[in-house]
C-alpha cells in the first residue's frame, strides 16, 4: 500500500475509533442519567399514588 493510502486509512481509522469511543461514552452517560431519573421516580411515585388514593377515597365519601 502506498504511503498516501496508509496515511489516509490511518486517519480514517483514527476518526472512526474516536467517534465510536464518543458514542460509547455518551451511551454510558445517558444510561447513568436515566438510571438516576428512574431512582427519583421510584421514590416519588408512592407519594403520588398515596395522594391519588386519598383523593379517590374523599371523592367516594363525598358521593355517599
N, C-alpha and C. Protein backbone atom coordinates (compact mmCIF):
# COMPACT_ATOMS: atom_id res chain seq x y z
N UNK A 1 0.86 -1.18 0.00
CA UNK A 1 0.00 0.00 0.00
C UNK A 1 0.90 1.23 0.00
N UNK A 2 0.49 2.22 -0.68
CA UNK A 2 1.30 3.43 -0.76
C UNK A 2 1.25 4.22 0.55
N UNK A 3 2.22 5.06 0.71
CA UNK A 3 2.31 5.89 1.92
C UNK A 3 1.06 6.77 2.04
N UNK A 4 0.60 7.31 0.93
CA UNK A 4 -0.59 8.17 0.96
C UNK A 4 -1.81 7.35 1.36
N UNK A 5 -1.92 6.14 0.81
CA UNK A 5 -3.04 5.28 1.16
C UNK A 5 -3.01 4.89 2.62
N UNK A 6 -1.83 4.56 3.14
CA UNK A 6 -1.71 4.20 4.55
C UNK A 6 -2.05 5.38 5.45
N UNK A 7 -1.62 6.56 5.07
CA UNK A 7 -1.92 7.77 5.85
C UNK A 7 -3.42 8.04 5.85
N UNK A 8 -4.04 7.90 4.69
CA UNK A 8 -5.48 8.13 4.60
C UNK A 8 -6.24 7.10 5.42
N UNK A 9 -5.85 5.84 5.31
CA UNK A 9 -6.51 4.77 6.07
C UNK A 9 -6.32 4.98 7.57
N UNK A 10 -5.12 5.37 7.97
CA UNK A 10 -4.83 5.62 9.38
C UNK A 10 -5.70 6.77 9.91
N UNK A 11 -5.80 7.83 9.11
CA UNK A 11 -6.63 8.97 9.52
C UNK A 11 -8.10 8.58 9.63
N UNK A 12 -8.55 7.78 8.67
CA UNK A 12 -9.95 7.33 8.71
C UNK A 12 -10.21 6.47 9.93
N UNK A 13 -9.29 5.54 10.20
CA UNK A 13 -9.47 4.66 11.37
C UNK A 13 -9.41 5.44 12.67
N UNK A 14 -8.53 6.42 12.76
CA UNK A 14 -8.48 7.27 13.96
C UNK A 14 -9.81 7.99 14.17
N UNK A 15 -10.36 8.53 13.10
CA UNK A 15 -11.64 9.22 13.18
C UNK A 15 -12.75 8.26 13.59
N UNK A 16 -12.77 7.09 12.98
CA UNK A 16 -13.79 6.09 13.28
C UNK A 16 -13.72 5.65 14.73
N UNK A 17 -12.53 5.35 15.20
CA UNK A 17 -12.35 4.92 16.60
C UNK A 17 -12.76 6.05 17.54
N UNK A 18 -12.40 7.28 17.22
CA UNK A 18 -12.79 8.42 18.06
C UNK A 18 -14.30 8.56 18.14
N UNK A 19 -14.98 8.40 17.02
CA UNK A 19 -16.45 8.50 17.02
C UNK A 19 -17.07 7.36 17.81
N UNK A 20 -16.52 6.16 17.68
CA UNK A 20 -17.04 5.01 18.42
C UNK A 20 -16.87 5.21 19.93
N UNK A 21 -15.71 5.73 20.32
CA UNK A 21 -15.46 5.99 21.74
C UNK A 21 -16.41 7.06 22.25
N UNK A 22 -16.60 8.15 21.49
CA UNK A 22 -17.53 9.20 21.89
C UNK A 22 -18.94 8.64 22.04
N UNK A 23 -19.36 7.80 21.11
CA UNK A 23 -20.69 7.20 21.18
C UNK A 23 -20.83 6.33 22.42
N UNK A 24 -19.82 5.55 22.71
CA UNK A 24 -19.86 4.68 23.89
C UNK A 24 -19.92 5.51 25.17
N UNK A 25 -19.13 6.56 25.25
CA UNK A 25 -19.13 7.43 26.44
C UNK A 25 -20.50 8.09 26.60
N UNK A 26 -21.06 8.59 25.51
CA UNK A 26 -22.39 9.21 25.57
C UNK A 26 -23.45 8.21 25.99
N UNK A 27 -23.36 6.98 25.49
CA UNK A 27 -24.33 5.95 25.86
C UNK A 27 -24.28 5.68 27.35
N UNK A 28 -23.07 5.54 27.88
CA UNK A 28 -22.92 5.28 29.31
C UNK A 28 -23.45 6.46 30.13
N UNK A 29 -23.13 7.67 29.71
CA UNK A 29 -23.60 8.87 30.43
C UNK A 29 -25.13 8.94 30.39
N UNK A 30 -25.72 8.69 29.22
CA UNK A 30 -27.17 8.71 29.11
C UNK A 30 -27.80 7.63 29.98
N UNK A 31 -27.19 6.45 30.00
CA UNK A 31 -27.69 5.35 30.83
C UNK A 31 -27.66 5.74 32.31
N UNK A 32 -26.57 6.36 32.73
CA UNK A 32 -26.46 6.78 34.13
C UNK A 32 -27.50 7.83 34.48
N UNK A 33 -27.73 8.78 33.57
CA UNK A 33 -28.75 9.81 33.82
C UNK A 33 -30.13 9.18 33.90
N UNK A 34 -30.41 8.25 33.01
CA UNK A 34 -31.70 7.58 33.02
C UNK A 34 -31.89 6.80 34.30
N UNK A 35 -30.84 6.12 34.74
CA UNK A 35 -30.90 5.36 35.99
C UNK A 35 -31.21 6.28 37.17
N UNK A 36 -30.56 7.44 37.21
CA UNK A 36 -30.82 8.39 38.29
C UNK A 36 -32.26 8.91 38.25
N UNK A 37 -32.77 9.19 37.06
CA UNK A 37 -34.15 9.65 36.93
C UNK A 37 -35.13 8.57 37.38
N UNK A 38 -34.86 7.33 37.02
CA UNK A 38 -35.73 6.23 37.45
C UNK A 38 -35.71 6.08 38.96
N UNK A 39 -34.56 6.25 39.57
CA UNK A 39 -34.48 6.18 41.04
C UNK A 39 -35.31 7.30 41.68
N UNK A 40 -35.26 8.50 41.08
CA UNK A 40 -36.06 9.60 41.61
C UNK A 40 -37.55 9.28 41.50
N UNK A 41 -37.96 8.79 40.34
CA UNK A 41 -39.37 8.43 40.15
C UNK A 41 -39.78 7.32 41.11
N UNK A 42 -38.89 6.38 41.36
CA UNK A 42 -39.19 5.28 42.27
C UNK A 42 -39.51 5.82 43.67
N UNK A 43 -38.86 6.89 44.06
CA UNK A 43 -39.13 7.47 45.38
C UNK A 43 -40.34 8.40 45.36
N UNK A 44 -40.66 8.99 44.22
CA UNK A 44 -41.77 9.94 44.12
C UNK A 44 -43.11 9.25 43.88
N UNK A 45 -43.11 8.19 43.09
CA UNK A 45 -44.36 7.55 42.71
C UNK A 45 -45.21 7.06 43.89
N UNK A 46 -44.65 6.50 44.95
CA UNK A 46 -45.51 6.12 46.09
C UNK A 46 -46.25 7.31 46.70
N UNK A 47 -45.62 8.47 46.73
CA UNK A 47 -46.28 9.66 47.26
C UNK A 47 -47.45 10.08 46.34
N UNK A 48 -47.21 10.00 45.04
CA UNK A 48 -48.27 10.33 44.08
C UNK A 48 -49.42 9.35 44.22
N UNK A 49 -49.09 8.05 44.35
CA UNK A 49 -50.13 7.03 44.50
C UNK A 49 -50.93 7.27 45.78
N UNK A 50 -50.26 7.62 46.86
CA UNK A 50 -50.94 7.89 48.13
C UNK A 50 -51.88 9.08 47.99
N UNK A 51 -51.44 10.14 47.31
CA UNK A 51 -52.30 11.31 47.10
C UNK A 51 -53.51 10.95 46.25
N UNK A 52 -53.31 10.15 45.22
CA UNK A 52 -54.43 9.73 44.37
C UNK A 52 -55.40 8.85 45.13
N UNK A 53 -54.88 7.93 45.93
CA UNK A 53 -55.75 7.07 46.75
C UNK A 53 -56.57 7.91 47.73
N UNK A 54 -55.94 8.89 48.35
CA UNK A 54 -56.63 9.78 49.29
C UNK A 54 -57.72 10.57 48.58
N UNK A 55 -57.40 11.11 47.41
CA UNK A 55 -58.39 11.87 46.66
C UNK A 55 -59.56 10.99 46.23
N UNK A 56 -59.26 9.76 45.84
CA UNK A 56 -60.33 8.83 45.44
C UNK A 56 -61.22 8.50 46.63
N UNK A 57 -60.61 8.28 47.79
CA UNK A 57 -61.38 7.98 48.99
C UNK A 57 -62.28 9.15 49.38
N UNK A 58 -61.74 10.36 49.29
CA UNK A 58 -62.54 11.55 49.61
C UNK A 58 -63.68 11.71 48.60
N UNK A 59 -63.43 11.42 47.34
CA UNK A 59 -64.46 11.52 46.32
C UNK A 59 -65.57 10.51 46.58
N UNK A 60 -65.21 9.31 46.98
CA UNK A 60 -66.21 8.27 47.27
C UNK A 60 -67.05 8.68 48.48
N UNK A 61 -66.42 9.21 49.53
CA UNK A 61 -67.14 9.66 50.72
C UNK A 61 -68.06 10.83 50.38
N UNK A 62 -67.63 11.69 49.48
CA UNK A 62 -68.41 12.85 49.10
C UNK A 62 -69.68 12.42 48.37
N UNK A 63 -69.59 11.39 47.54
CA UNK A 63 -70.76 10.90 46.78
C UNK A 63 -71.75 10.17 47.69
N UNK A 64 -71.26 9.57 48.76
CA UNK A 64 -72.11 8.76 49.63
C UNK A 64 -72.96 9.60 50.55
